[in-house]
Protein backbone atom coordinates (compact mmCIF):
# COMPACT_ATOMS: atom_id res chain seq x y z
CA MET A 1 -24.52 -10.44 -6.77
CA THR A 2 -24.57 -6.96 -4.22
CA SER A 3 -22.98 -3.56 -4.50
CA GLY A 4 -22.94 -3.86 -0.55
CA GLY A 5 -19.23 -3.92 1.91
CA VAL A 6 -17.94 -6.56 3.30
CA LEU A 7 -17.67 -4.65 6.32
CA GLY A 8 -20.82 -2.84 6.33
CA PRO A 9 -23.68 -0.89 4.08
CA TYR A 10 -21.99 0.92 1.89
CA ALA A 11 -20.64 1.69 -1.85
CA MET A 12 -18.24 -1.61 -2.62
CA ALA A 13 -16.19 0.58 -4.40
CA ARG A 14 -15.18 2.36 -0.95
CA GLU A 15 -12.86 -1.04 0.26
CA ALA A 16 -9.26 -0.88 -0.20
CA SER A 17 -6.28 -2.73 1.41
CA GLY A 18 -7.07 -4.22 4.68
CA THR A 19 -10.11 -2.59 6.38
CA SER A 20 -8.81 0.44 4.59
CA TRP A 21 -10.89 2.79 2.99
CA GLN A 22 -11.01 5.06 -0.06
CA PRO A 23 -13.55 7.71 -1.91
CA ASP A 24 -16.64 5.78 -2.97
CA ALA A 25 -15.87 7.09 -6.57
CA THR A 26 -13.02 4.82 -7.17
CA PRO A 27 -13.56 2.62 -9.72
CA HIS A 28 -14.32 -1.05 -8.84
CA HIS A 29 -11.13 -3.38 -9.72
CA MET A 30 -12.53 -6.83 -9.33
CA GLY A 31 -14.33 -9.46 -11.53
CA HIS A 32 -17.27 -10.95 -9.95
CA ASP A 33 -19.17 -14.71 -10.06
CA MET A 34 -21.53 -16.71 -8.43
CA ALA A 35 -20.53 -20.09 -7.00
CA GLY A 36 -24.41 -20.98 -5.22
CA ASP A 37 -24.42 -18.45 -2.33
CA TRP A 38 -20.84 -17.24 -2.24
CA MET A 39 -19.86 -14.07 -4.38
CA ILE A 40 -16.43 -15.34 -5.85
CA SER A 41 -14.16 -12.32 -7.19
CA ALA A 42 -10.52 -12.34 -8.68
CA HIS A 43 -8.36 -9.42 -10.09
CA ALA A 44 -4.11 -9.53 -11.29
CA MET A 45 -1.92 -7.06 -11.74
CA LEU A 46 1.59 -8.22 -12.63
CA ASN A 47 4.62 -5.50 -13.44
CA LEU A 48 7.56 -6.78 -15.53
CA ALA A 49 9.72 -3.54 -14.88
CA HIS A 50 13.73 -2.15 -15.52
CA SER A 51 14.71 0.57 -12.68
CA TRP A 52 17.65 2.51 -14.11
CA GLN A 53 18.89 4.77 -10.70
CA ASP A 54 22.23 7.13 -12.04
CA GLY A 55 25.00 7.69 -9.71
CA PRO A 56 27.64 6.16 -7.51
CA ARG A 57 25.06 5.44 -5.00
CA GLY A 58 22.60 4.14 -8.07
CA ASP A 59 22.19 0.72 -9.71
CA GLU A 60 19.82 -1.14 -12.59
CA LYS A 61 17.65 -4.73 -12.54
CA THR A 62 14.85 -6.32 -14.25
CA PHE A 63 12.26 -7.82 -11.92
CA VAL A 64 8.67 -8.20 -11.62
CA ALA A 65 5.86 -7.01 -8.68
CA GLY A 66 2.78 -6.84 -8.34
CA MET A 67 -0.08 -9.08 -6.87
CA LEU A 68 -2.67 -11.58 -7.13
CA MET A 69 -5.90 -11.39 -5.15
CA ALA A 70 -9.29 -12.79 -4.63
CA SER A 71 -12.16 -13.45 -1.89
CA ALA A 72 -15.16 -14.86 -1.13
CA ARG A 73 -17.61 -13.21 0.18
CA ARG A 74 -21.40 -14.64 2.27
CA ASN A 75 -23.94 -12.25 2.61
CA PHE A 76 -27.07 -13.33 5.05
CA GLN A 77 -30.20 -12.69 5.35
CA SER A 78 -29.78 -10.89 8.34
CA GLY A 79 -27.51 -8.85 6.24
CA ASP A 80 -24.74 -9.79 8.17
CA VAL A 81 -21.39 -9.83 5.72
CA LEU A 82 -18.63 -12.86 5.57
CA ASN A 83 -15.40 -12.46 3.74
CA PHE A 84 -12.47 -14.55 2.68
CA ARG A 85 -9.72 -12.83 1.23
CA ALA A 86 -6.36 -13.75 -0.24
CA MET A 87 -3.19 -11.72 -1.50
CA LEU A 88 -0.17 -12.77 -3.41
CA SER A 89 2.85 -11.27 -4.33
CA PRO A 90 5.55 -12.59 -6.83
CA ASP A 91 8.35 -10.22 -5.42
CA PRO A 92 10.21 -12.52 -3.40
CA LEU A 93 11.28 -13.90 -6.48
CA MET A 94 13.39 -10.39 -7.52
CA GLY A 95 15.71 -11.81 -4.32
CA LYS A 96 17.00 -10.87 -1.73
CA SER A 97 18.62 -7.37 -2.56
CA GLY A 98 14.58 -6.10 -4.01
CA TYR A 99 15.35 -3.84 -6.72
CA PRO A 100 17.66 -0.19 -7.19
CA LEU A 101 15.31 2.53 -5.75
CA LEU A 102 17.44 5.92 -4.41
CA LEU A 103 16.75 7.55 -0.90
CA ALA A 104 14.43 4.80 -0.32
CA SER A 105 15.25 2.79 2.89
CA GLY A 106 13.36 -0.35 4.94
CA GLU A 107 13.51 -3.48 6.82
CA THR A 108 15.91 -6.18 6.29
CA ALA A 109 15.52 -8.74 3.27
CA ASP A 110 18.19 -10.94 4.58
CA GLY A 111 18.88 -11.15 8.52
CA VAL A 112 21.90 -9.10 7.78
CA SER A 113 21.19 -5.82 6.49
CA HIS A 114 19.19 -3.07 5.99
CA LEU A 115 18.30 -2.51 2.61
CA VAL A 116 19.71 0.84 1.66
CA ASP A 117 18.77 3.10 -1.77
CA ARG A 118 17.08 -0.31 -2.72
CA GLN A 119 13.17 -1.31 -2.33
CA HIS A 120 13.09 -4.42 -0.78
CA PRO A 121 10.69 -7.46 -2.28
CA HIS A 122 7.06 -8.01 -0.45
CA ASP A 123 6.73 -11.56 1.15
CA LEU A 124 4.60 -14.35 -1.13
CA PHE A 125 1.51 -14.04 1.38
CA VAL A 126 0.37 -10.26 1.25
CA GLU A 127 -2.45 -11.58 3.09
CA LEU A 128 -5.20 -13.99 3.63
CA SER A 129 -7.78 -13.05 6.14
CA ALA A 130 -11.20 -13.18 7.26
CA SER A 131 -13.84 -10.61 8.14
CA TYR A 132 -17.29 -10.89 9.58
CA SER A 133 -19.91 -7.89 9.30
CA LEU A 134 -23.11 -8.22 11.87
CA ALA A 135 -25.66 -5.19 10.68
CA LEU A 136 -27.00 -3.23 13.04
CA ALA A 137 -29.05 -0.95 11.35
CA LYS A 138 -29.59 -0.02 7.49
CA ASP A 139 -26.71 2.63 7.90
CA GLU A 140 -24.67 0.42 10.69
CA SER A 141 -21.78 -1.58 11.54
CA LEU A 142 -19.53 -4.16 13.91
CA PHE A 143 -16.97 -6.10 12.17
CA LEU A 144 -13.78 -8.20 12.68
CA TYR A 145 -11.32 -8.78 10.62
CA ALA A 146 -8.45 -10.97 10.77
CA GLY A 147 -5.68 -12.06 9.53
CA LEU A 148 -2.32 -13.68 9.11
CA PRO A 149 -1.36 -11.72 7.77
CA GLY A 150 -3.34 -9.08 7.30
CA GLU A 151 -3.29 -4.85 8.07
CA PRO A 152 -3.69 -3.37 10.83
CA ALA A 153 -5.08 0.05 11.33
CA PHE A 154 -3.37 2.20 10.60
CA GLY A 155 -2.87 4.64 7.47
CA PRO A 156 -4.30 4.73 4.11
CA PRO A 157 -4.58 2.56 1.32
CA THR A 158 -1.40 1.01 1.06
CA PHE A 159 0.50 2.09 -2.51
CA MET A 160 0.04 -1.06 -4.52
CA HIS A 161 -4.01 -0.51 -4.08
CA ARG A 162 -4.32 3.60 -4.17
CA GLN A 163 -5.85 4.99 -7.10
CA SER A 164 -3.63 7.65 -7.54
CA ALA A 165 -0.60 5.02 -6.67
CA MET A 166 -1.47 1.89 -7.94
CA ASN A 167 0.36 2.33 -11.88
CA SER A 168 3.44 3.24 -11.16
CA PRO A 169 5.94 0.07 -10.04
CA GLU A 170 7.91 2.20 -8.39
CA ALA A 171 7.65 1.78 -4.67
CA PRO A 172 7.27 5.83 -2.52
CA ILE A 173 9.94 6.28 -0.40
CA SER A 174 7.32 6.99 2.47
CA HIS A 175 6.60 3.88 2.17
CA HIS A 176 7.90 2.75 6.13
CA TRP A 177 5.75 6.02 7.54
CA LEU A 178 2.82 5.79 6.02
CA ASP A 179 1.48 1.83 5.39
CA SER A 180 4.53 -0.53 5.62
CA THR A 181 2.27 -2.08 7.93
CA HIS A 182 0.32 -3.96 5.26
CA ILE A 183 2.28 -6.86 6.10
CA THR A 184 1.99 -8.26 9.58
CA PHE A 185 2.15 -12.01 10.67
CA GLY A 186 -0.96 -11.51 12.85
CA VAL A 187 -3.38 -8.80 13.16
CA LEU A 188 -7.04 -8.97 14.98
CA THR A 189 -9.41 -5.18 13.71
CA ALA A 190 -12.33 -4.47 16.18
CA GLY A 191 -14.25 -2.12 13.37
CA TRP A 192 -17.61 0.16 14.11
CA VAL A 193 -19.12 1.73 11.12
CA LYS A 194 -21.91 4.32 11.02
CA ASP A 195 -22.71 5.71 8.10
CA ALA A 196 -19.22 8.04 5.97
CA TRP A 197 -17.72 7.34 9.54
CA LYS A 198 -15.27 4.47 10.94
CA LEU A 199 -13.47 3.90 14.15
CA GLU A 200 -11.33 0.70 14.50
CA VAL A 201 -8.39 -0.22 16.57
CA SER A 202 -6.41 -2.98 16.39
CA ALA A 203 -4.16 -5.60 17.83
CA PHE A 204 -0.67 -6.73 16.19
CA LYS A 205 2.52 -7.86 16.05
CA GLY A 206 5.15 -5.58 15.36
CA ARG A 207 8.10 -6.78 13.71
CA GLU A 208 8.36 -6.41 10.31
CA PRO A 209 8.22 -9.76 8.77
CA ASP A 210 11.64 -11.75 8.60
CA GLN A 211 14.43 -12.99 5.60
CA ASP A 212 12.27 -15.32 4.46
CA ARG A 213 9.61 -14.34 2.15
CA PHE A 214 8.32 -17.47 1.29
CA ASP A 215 6.85 -18.73 4.76
CA ILE A 216 3.98 -17.43 7.40
CA GLU A 217 4.99 -16.36 10.56
CA SER A 218 3.92 -16.94 13.54
CA PRO A 219 1.73 -14.20 15.11
CA LYS A 220 2.62 -12.54 18.26
CA LEU A 221 -0.07 -9.77 19.03
CA ASP A 222 2.29 -7.05 20.78
CA SER A 223 1.23 -3.50 19.47
CA VAL A 224 -1.57 -1.34 18.32
CA ALA A 225 -3.68 0.73 16.60
CA ALA A 226 -6.34 3.13 15.84
CA ARG A 227 -7.57 4.62 12.75
CA VAL A 228 -10.86 7.28 12.46
CA SER A 229 -12.24 7.10 8.44
CA TRP A 230 -14.40 9.85 7.20
CA ASN A 231 -16.16 9.94 3.88
CA PRO A 232 -17.79 12.80 4.25
CA THR A 233 -18.97 12.76 -0.31
CA PRO A 234 -18.53 9.93 -2.90
CA ASN A 235 -15.43 11.66 -4.04
CA TRP A 236 -13.30 12.27 -0.34
CA SER A 237 -11.90 9.66 1.68
CA LEU A 238 -9.59 11.33 4.97
CA GLN A 239 -8.43 9.35 8.21
CA LEU A 240 -6.76 9.77 11.01
CA SER A 241 -4.40 6.84 12.55
CA TRP A 242 -1.80 6.00 15.84
CA ALA A 243 0.47 2.93 16.09
CA ASP A 244 2.57 1.66 18.81
CA GLN A 245 4.33 -1.13 17.31
CA GLU A 246 6.46 -3.23 18.98
CA SER A 247 10.24 -4.69 18.47
CA ILE A 248 9.82 -3.04 14.88
CA GLU A 249 12.91 -3.90 12.99
CA GLN A 250 14.51 -7.71 13.59
CA LEU A 251 18.59 -6.27 13.21
CA GLU A 252 16.92 -3.41 16.48
CA PRO A 253 14.82 -5.75 18.22
CA GLU A 254 15.75 -2.87 21.50
CA VAL A 255 13.55 -0.34 19.07
CA ASP A 256 9.82 0.09 19.42
CA VAL A 257 8.39 3.31 17.33
CA LYS A 258 4.93 5.64 18.10
CA LYS A 259 3.67 6.61 14.42
CA LEU A 260 1.11 9.08 13.52
CA SER A 261 -0.77 9.13 9.94
CA ALA A 262 -3.16 11.60 8.12
CA SER A 263 -4.12 11.55 4.87
CA ALA A 264 -6.73 12.96 2.59
CA ILE A 265 -7.72 11.55 -1.17
CA TYR A 266 -9.67 13.07 -3.72
CA THR A 267 -11.00 10.57 -7.26
CA VAL A 268 -13.62 11.62 -9.26
CA ALA A 269 -14.60 9.89 -12.06
CA LEU A 270 -15.38 10.99 -16.13
CA ASP A 271 -16.63 10.18 -19.23
CA ASP A 272 -15.33 7.67 -21.40
CA GLY A 273 -14.37 4.77 -18.36
CA GLY A 274 -11.67 7.94 -17.00
CA TRP A 275 -11.48 9.58 -14.11
CA TRP A 276 -8.83 11.35 -11.79
CA SER A 277 -7.03 10.63 -8.46
CA THR A 278 -4.84 12.38 -6.38
CA THR A 279 -3.51 11.49 -2.42
CA ALA A 280 -2.08 14.11 0.13
CA ALA A 281 -0.40 12.00 3.27
CA TRP A 282 1.63 12.60 6.41
CA GLY A 283 2.85 10.12 8.41
CA TRP A 284 5.99 10.30 11.54
CA LYS A 285 7.32 8.34 13.15
CA ASP A 286 8.58 8.34 17.07
CA PRO A 287 11.16 5.46 17.40
CA SER A 288 12.39 5.01 21.69
CA GLU A 289 15.61 5.46 20.70
CA GLY A 290 16.76 7.90 17.79
CA GLU A 291 14.83 11.24 16.65
CA THR A 292 11.70 11.64 15.95
CA THR A 293 10.56 11.98 11.29
CA ASN A 294 8.40 13.00 9.30
CA ALA A 295 7.61 12.51 5.45
CA PHE A 296 4.58 13.93 2.98
CA VAL A 297 3.44 12.75 -0.07
CA LEU A 298 1.58 14.57 -3.06
CA GLU A 299 0.31 12.07 -5.74
CA THR A 300 -2.42 12.05 -8.78
CA ALA A 301 -3.15 10.14 -11.36
CA TYR A 302 -5.03 10.70 -14.23
CA ALA A 303 -6.65 8.37 -16.58
CA PRO A 304 -8.80 10.34 -19.49
CA ASN A 305 -9.98 7.06 -20.49
CA ARG A 306 -9.80 3.27 -20.83
CA ASP A 307 -6.57 3.73 -22.42
CA TRP A 308 -4.47 6.19 -20.85
CA THR A 309 -2.99 7.00 -17.62
CA VAL A 310 -0.62 9.41 -16.23
CA PHE A 311 0.63 9.82 -12.92
CA ALA A 312 2.94 11.69 -10.81
CA ARG A 313 4.21 12.17 -6.85
CA GLY A 314 6.64 14.24 -4.91
CA GLU A 315 8.23 13.31 -1.22
CA VAL A 316 9.91 14.57 1.29
CA THR A 317 11.27 12.37 4.39
CA GLU A 318 13.28 12.70 6.78
CA ASN A 319 15.60 9.77 6.94
CA PRO A 320 18.61 8.77 9.00
CA GLU A 321 18.92 5.40 7.42
CA LEU A 322 20.56 7.22 4.55
CA SER A 323 23.64 9.04 6.16
CA PRO A 324 26.93 7.23 7.18
CA VAL A 325 26.81 8.56 10.83
CA ASP A 326 22.84 8.24 11.39
CA GLU A 327 22.37 11.60 10.79
CA VAL A 328 18.42 12.23 10.27
CA GLU A 329 18.99 13.95 6.27
CA THR A 330 15.83 15.84 4.76
CA VAL A 331 15.47 14.27 0.67
CA GLY A 332 13.11 14.32 -1.96
CA LYS A 333 11.45 12.78 -4.88
CA LEU A 334 9.80 14.04 -8.22
CA SER A 335 8.64 11.26 -11.07
CA PHE A 336 6.23 11.74 -13.21
CA GLY A 337 5.27 8.81 -15.62
CA ALA A 338 2.53 7.22 -18.08
CA VAL A 339 0.74 3.87 -19.03
CA ARG A 340 -0.83 2.60 -22.49
CA ASP A 341 -2.86 0.01 -21.75
CA PHE A 342 -4.17 -2.43 -24.85
CA HIS A 343 -7.00 -4.69 -24.05
CA VAL A 344 -5.75 -8.08 -24.97
CA ALA A 345 -9.89 -9.36 -23.80
CA GLU A 346 -13.08 -8.78 -22.43
CA ASN A 347 -11.11 -8.83 -19.25
CA THR A 348 -7.54 -8.45 -19.52
CA ARG A 349 -5.16 -5.80 -20.49
CA LEU A 350 -1.46 -5.33 -21.53
CA GLY A 351 -0.07 -1.91 -20.84
CA VAL A 352 3.61 -0.21 -21.78
CA GLY A 353 4.49 2.03 -19.60
CA ALA A 354 7.53 3.94 -18.44
CA LEU A 355 8.96 6.85 -15.88
CA TYR A 356 11.36 9.18 -14.84
CA SER A 357 12.16 10.80 -11.31
CA VAL A 358 14.57 13.65 -10.00
CA ASN A 359 16.24 12.69 -6.20
CA PHE A 360 17.19 15.81 -4.35
CA VAL A 361 20.01 15.12 -1.61
CA PRO A 362 21.79 18.17 0.99
CA GLY A 363 24.21 19.04 0.60
CA ASP A 364 26.50 16.17 3.16
CA LEU A 365 25.09 13.84 0.70
CA GLU A 366 25.99 15.13 -2.51
CA ALA A 367 29.22 13.21 -2.80
CA SER A 368 27.89 10.61 -2.01
CA TYR A 369 25.14 10.31 -4.06
CA GLY A 370 26.83 12.62 -7.44
CA GLY A 371 25.64 15.83 -6.82
CA ASP A 372 20.94 15.45 -7.21
CA PRO A 373 20.55 11.68 -9.37
CA ASP A 374 17.83 10.90 -11.75
CA GLY A 375 16.04 7.91 -11.88
CA ALA A 376 14.09 5.94 -14.33
CA MET A 377 12.65 2.66 -15.20
CA VAL A 378 10.44 0.70 -17.94
CA PHE A 379 7.83 -1.42 -17.70
CA ILE A 380 5.26 -3.79 -19.11
CA ARG A 381 1.25 -4.90 -16.84
CA LEU A 382 -0.63 -7.48 -16.81
CA THR A 383 -4.14 -6.43 -15.82
CA THR A 384 -6.67 -8.75 -15.54
CA SER A 385 -9.77 -10.31 -12.87
CA ASN A 386 -12.22 -12.91 -13.68
């Protein structure tokens, strides 16, 4: 087995969702076994959660979310690496209404209406990808990544892969400014890695997934993205990215969107298997029709040991979908929670957790939301690796 990355000569722990980077100090969650010349890796995290959201626009629901992930890697004597990765999600089982989450909005899941104050379900097939990296020198490589679906070179690692976010079953309301392209049905990315730097460009399908969450859609490379990433030390990972997304919404096919994103992630390993990880990120959207909007997120998670994790997140978004008259509204959200893991087998943990959220809305939305409503989740999760 090797500890190198699949896209270049760096620590395996640096690799996150798609082709994105995280700090080298991030705990590595995948288990590994050898099958001849191939290294087989697998990891699963499944949440059974109940969401309760207060106020006139709130609701409650029990749902299942998470991911099942596996990869197969072949190293060559030249230093080249071939890698295949698959990731599945149980999200479609929650139905087309997703789950209640105040101040969230995004893609349609029924092909008829936008989901507002709810988090949409992700597709069954989250990633089916292949990559090949060509070793140029001890600290340099070129790579090619293709996915159907896959993740283009935009934004920080998607929230269910970010160390600072993955312990919370609650999706960030800033999701569609930062990492909504993580399921793209058709993506081709070429990149160059040199020591602590990575430059990459993607051609990908701009349209978000349709209402059929169980199929594989036809690819179309009509949009572009570019990202520069820099890991100056083992504890830091920074990125700046840009995208021009064509016909992003199924319900508004005439609208294109230009996007920018910047993020910084700090992660440090602690004694007794503990760690601390914090992410600060900004996203910007400029639609061809409508106003430009921003989103900001600051999130942190702290694990003093292998048994406990506490987490918190603060967000501000400028969102036109929350108002009945399509006005851009600035809203905020604070959430914090904890999870206790019990080690039931060598590579399997059962966790029990809860979180509490407070939402902040402007005066013209207070009547429809009943002031500044709160929300909560309780959850049980299963985490395992081979």
